Protein backbone atom coordinates (compact mmCIF):
# COMPACT_ATOMS: atom_id res chain seq x y z
CA MET A 1 0.00 0.00 0.00
CA ASP A 2 2.87 2.39 0.75
CA ASN A 3 4.45 1.81 -2.66
CA ARG A 4 1.37 1.91 -4.89
CA PRO A 5 2.66 4.66 -7.24
CA GLU A 6 5.91 2.78 -7.85
CA LEU A 7 4.13 -0.54 -8.39
CA TRP A 8 1.58 1.05 -10.71
CA SER A 9 4.35 2.61 -12.80
CA GLU A 10 6.20 -0.71 -13.02
CA THR A 11 2.98 -2.55 -13.88
CA THR A 12 2.28 -0.11 -16.72
CA THR A 13 5.79 -0.60 -18.11
CA HIS A 14 5.46 -4.38 -17.71
CA ALA A 15 2.16 -4.42 -19.62
CA GLN A 16 3.58 -2.18 -22.36
CA LEU A 17 6.51 -4.56 -22.91
CA VAL A 18 4.12 -7.50 -23.27
CA ALA A 19 1.78 -5.59 -25.58
CA LEU A 20 4.63 -4.45 -27.85
CA ALA A 21 6.05 -7.96 -28.01
CA LEU A 22 2.69 -9.40 -29.05
CA LEU A 23 2.23 -6.62 -31.58
CA PHE A 24 5.51 -7.58 -33.25
CA ALA A 25 5.07 -11.37 -32.89
CA VAL A 26 1.43 -12.17 -33.65
CA PRO A 27 1.02 -10.85 -37.25
CA PRO A 28 4.12 -12.58 -38.69
CA ALA A 29 3.42 -15.75 -36.70
CA VAL A 30 -0.14 -15.92 -38.05
CA ALA A 31 1.06 -15.15 -41.59
CA LEU A 32 3.70 -17.88 -41.38
CA GLY A 33 1.12 -20.29 -39.95
CA VAL A 34 -1.27 -19.56 -42.82
CA ALA A 35 1.51 -20.15 -45.36
CA ALA A 36 2.64 -23.38 -43.68
CA ALA A 37 -0.76 -24.90 -42.85
CA GLY A 38 -1.04 -26.68 -46.21
CA ARG A 39 2.65 -27.56 -46.41
CA PRO A 40 3.61 -30.21 -43.81
CA ARG A 41 7.37 -29.88 -44.34
CA MET A 42 7.28 -26.10 -44.07
CA ALA A 43 5.05 -26.33 -41.00
CA GLY A 44 7.40 -28.80 -39.33
CA LEU A 45 10.45 -26.66 -40.07
CA ALA A 46 8.81 -23.41 -38.90
CA VAL A 47 7.46 -24.91 -35.69
CA GLY A 48 10.78 -26.66 -35.07
CA VAL A 49 12.82 -23.46 -35.40
CA ALA A 50 10.37 -21.55 -33.19
CA GLY A 51 10.55 -24.40 -30.68
CA VAL A 52 14.34 -24.21 -30.54
CA ILE A 53 14.16 -20.46 -29.85
CA PHE A 54 11.58 -21.11 -27.13
CA THR A 55 13.97 -23.48 -25.33
CA ILE A 56 16.73 -20.87 -25.03
CA PRO A 57 16.92 -19.73 -21.39
CA SER A 58 15.35 -16.30 -21.05
CA LEU A 59 18.37 -14.71 -19.37
CA ALA A 60 20.65 -15.97 -22.17
CA LEU A 61 18.40 -14.65 -24.94
CA PHE A 62 18.01 -11.25 -23.29
CA ALA A 63 21.79 -11.04 -22.87
CA LEU A 64 22.43 -12.06 -26.50
CA LEU A 65 20.15 -9.31 -27.77
CA VAL A 66 21.84 -6.59 -25.71
CA GLY A 67 24.84 -6.69 -28.07
CA PRO A 68 23.05 -5.66 -31.28
CA LEU A 69 20.18 -3.71 -29.66
CA GLY A 70 21.74 -2.16 -26.57
CA LEU A 71 20.10 -1.84 -23.17
CA GLY A 72 16.50 -0.79 -22.65
CA THR A 73 13.17 -1.62 -24.21
CA ALA A 74 14.40 -2.94 -27.58
CA PRO A 75 16.11 -6.18 -26.43
CA ALA A 76 13.30 -6.91 -23.97
CA VAL A 77 10.57 -6.55 -26.60
CA ALA A 78 12.57 -8.53 -29.15
CA ALA A 79 13.18 -11.41 -26.72
CA LEU A 80 9.53 -11.54 -25.65
CA ALA A 81 8.43 -11.43 -29.29
CA PHE A 82 10.68 -14.39 -30.14
CA TYR A 83 9.18 -16.39 -27.27
CA SER A 84 5.65 -15.45 -28.37
CA VAL A 85 6.01 -16.80 -31.91
CA LEU A 86 5.83 -20.53 -31.12
CA PRO A 87 2.37 -20.79 -29.48
CA VAL A 88 0.75 -18.46 -32.02
CA LEU A 89 2.40 -20.19 -35.00
CA ARG A 90 1.58 -23.69 -33.77
CA ASN A 91 -2.05 -22.86 -32.99
CA THR A 92 -2.51 -21.15 -36.35
CA VAL A 93 -1.28 -24.24 -38.18
CA VAL A 94 -3.39 -26.58 -36.04
CA GLY A 95 -6.47 -24.37 -36.27
CA LEU A 96 -6.34 -24.22 -40.07
CA GLN A 97 -5.65 -27.93 -40.38
CA GLU A 98 -8.67 -28.73 -38.22
CA VAL A 99 -11.15 -26.77 -40.36
CA PRO A 100 -13.80 -29.31 -41.50
CA PRO A 101 -13.17 -30.39 -45.11
CA ASP A 102 -16.88 -30.06 -45.91
CA ALA A 103 -16.71 -26.35 -45.05
CA VAL A 104 -13.83 -25.90 -47.51
CA GLU A 105 -15.68 -27.90 -50.16
CA ALA A 106 -18.80 -25.80 -49.63
CA ALA A 107 -16.75 -22.64 -50.16
CA ARG A 108 -15.35 -24.02 -53.41
CA GLY A 109 -18.85 -25.03 -54.48
CA MET A 110 -19.95 -21.43 -54.01
CA GLY A 111 -17.23 -20.35 -56.43
CA MET A 112 -14.79 -18.90 -53.91
CA THR A 113 -11.13 -18.67 -54.82
CA GLU A 114 -8.47 -20.05 -52.45
CA ALA A 115 -7.88 -16.57 -51.04
CA GLN A 116 -11.60 -15.97 -50.51
CA SER A 117 -11.98 -19.39 -48.90
CA LEU A 118 -9.10 -18.57 -46.55
CA TRP A 119 -10.40 -15.16 -45.42
CA ARG A 120 -14.12 -15.95 -45.38
CA VAL A 121 -14.20 -19.56 -44.19
CA ARG A 122 -10.96 -21.19 -42.99
CA LEU A 123 -9.44 -18.35 -40.97
CA PRO A 124 -12.70 -17.37 -39.21
CA LEU A 125 -13.23 -21.02 -38.22
CA ALA A 126 -9.63 -21.31 -36.99
CA LEU A 127 -9.66 -17.98 -35.15
CA PRO A 128 -10.63 -19.36 -31.71
CA VAL A 129 -7.65 -21.73 -31.82
CA VAL A 130 -5.38 -18.87 -32.94
CA VAL A 131 -6.58 -16.71 -30.04
CA GLY A 132 -5.81 -19.65 -27.75
CA GLY A 133 -2.22 -19.46 -28.95
CA VAL A 134 -2.13 -15.71 -28.35
CA ARG A 135 -3.47 -16.38 -24.86
CA VAL A 136 -0.61 -18.76 -24.08
CA ALA A 137 1.93 -16.35 -25.58
CA ALA A 138 0.59 -13.40 -23.58
CA VAL A 139 0.64 -15.19 -20.23
CA THR A 140 4.13 -16.55 -20.93
CA ALA A 141 5.33 -13.06 -21.84
CA VAL A 142 3.94 -11.59 -18.60
CA GLY A 143 6.09 -14.00 -16.63
CA MET A 144 9.21 -13.69 -18.76
CA ALA A 145 9.04 -9.88 -18.83
CA THR A 146 10.37 -9.97 -15.27
CA VAL A 147 13.84 -10.60 -16.72
CA ALA A 148 13.57 -7.32 -18.66
CA ALA A 149 14.70 -5.49 -15.53
CA LEU A 150 18.17 -6.97 -16.02
CA VAL A 151 18.52 -5.17 -19.38
CA ALA A 152 17.27 -1.83 -18.01
CA ALA A 153 13.82 -2.16 -19.58
CA GLY A 154 11.94 -1.67 -16.31
CA GLY A 155 8.80 -3.49 -15.28
CA LEU A 156 7.94 -5.37 -12.11
CA GLY A 157 11.25 -7.17 -12.24
CA ASP A 158 12.79 -3.98 -10.82
CA SER A 159 10.96 -4.50 -7.52
CA ILE A 160 11.75 -8.21 -7.44
CA PHE A 161 15.48 -7.77 -7.95
CA ALA A 162 15.62 -4.74 -5.64
CA GLY A 163 13.85 -6.75 -2.95
CA LEU A 164 16.23 -9.67 -3.41
CA ARG A 165 19.26 -7.39 -3.11
CA ALA A 166 17.87 -5.75 0.03
CA GLY A 167 16.57 -8.98 1.53
CA ASP A 168 13.07 -7.47 1.57
CA GLU A 169 10.65 -10.38 1.16
CA THR A 170 7.64 -8.07 1.31
CA GLN A 171 8.79 -6.13 -1.75
CA VAL A 172 9.39 -9.34 -3.68
CA LEU A 173 6.03 -10.78 -2.65
CA ALA A 174 4.20 -7.59 -3.62
CA ALA A 175 5.73 -7.61 -7.12
CA ILE A 176 5.02 -11.31 -7.59
CA THR A 177 1.41 -10.77 -6.53
CA VAL A 178 0.95 -7.99 -9.07
CA ILE A 179 2.54 -10.11 -11.82
CA ALA A 180 0.18 -12.97 -10.99
CA ALA A 181 -2.80 -10.61 -11.02
CA LEU A 182 -1.71 -9.19 -14.38
CA ALA A 183 -1.33 -12.70 -15.81
CA PHE A 184 -4.80 -13.68 -14.56
CA ALA A 185 -6.30 -10.51 -16.03
CA VAL A 186 -4.69 -11.07 -19.43
CA ASP A 187 -5.59 -14.75 -19.46
CA GLY A 188 -9.18 -14.06 -18.39
CA THR A 189 -9.69 -11.37 -21.02
CA LEU A 190 -8.35 -13.51 -23.86
CA ALA A 191 -10.28 -16.55 -22.57
CA LEU A 192 -13.47 -14.48 -22.84
CA VAL A 193 -12.57 -13.47 -26.40
CA GLU A 194 -11.83 -17.10 -27.28
CA ARG A 195 -15.16 -18.24 -25.79
CA CYS A 196 -17.09 -15.60 -27.71
CA LEU A 197 -15.39 -16.63 -30.96
CA ARG A 198 -16.22 -20.30 -30.36
CA ARG A 199 -19.86 -19.40 -29.80
CA GLY A 200 -19.81 -17.31 -32.97
CA ARG A 201 -18.66 -20.32 -34.99
């Protein structure tokens, strides 16, 4: 309660890092997923490469990006964006592959081109699954953004590492509680969007 202004400022920065990372990661991941959905080899290669990136320890990836991007927001957003690609890409591929064949055939029977079938039928039907991938990516990014404090990007990691250095368990617990609340809020919001899209199908 005594440090509400500081925690609010860090929470805002934390949320901005996550939002920017998703903004940079989701469009290309969806586009790559659309391109790879009908090409099993391409899909396997794309998901495999994204999976390898996802397995790199967060501290190592943040540190690697400091060299070319310097300290601050840029390496933090880039690292979080890299981690966000895998769940969105994988869910896009799976969502498009799970579209019922009869729906695709019906679109062709109506005279739709492949592009029209994609935008009007396949992608709308796959959208709930895609949003599920964005949901996983967003919650993962909220947790990993804590490391951004080590590259001078700010966020709630500042309070965690400051508390650890000072031996102040209360400060650490407060920051962790806010991170958990932010993750629940993001997850709940996207879960609601996903549920609405599934009903709309």
